[in-house]
Amino acid sequence: MNVLTLKLPDHLDAALKEVSRKRGLSKSAVVREALEQALLAQGEAASAAERWVAQWQGRLQLPAAGDVEAADPRLAHLLAKHVR
């Protein structure tokens, strides 16, 4: 197992000590659990975003470049800048 050293503000250290005492776990175990949960939640959020993008990818039809420029120069600028 790898070792990680970090600095905690006093209020987080106090909260960590309290949770550790109440649960009968070491501070390291409490931090490991919290980190695992946070990383899992981030992974699930990223997966959800990827699924959403995959669902819509290729379904939106962009107008032809000439049509946009004549109709709305602001939209033409945004499309040229942000859509690849």
Foldseek 3Di string as FASTA:
>chain_A
DDDDDDDDDPVVVVVLVVVCVVVVHDSVVVVVVVVVVVVVVVVVVVVVVVVVCVVCPPVDDDDDLVVCCVPPVVVSVCCVVPPD
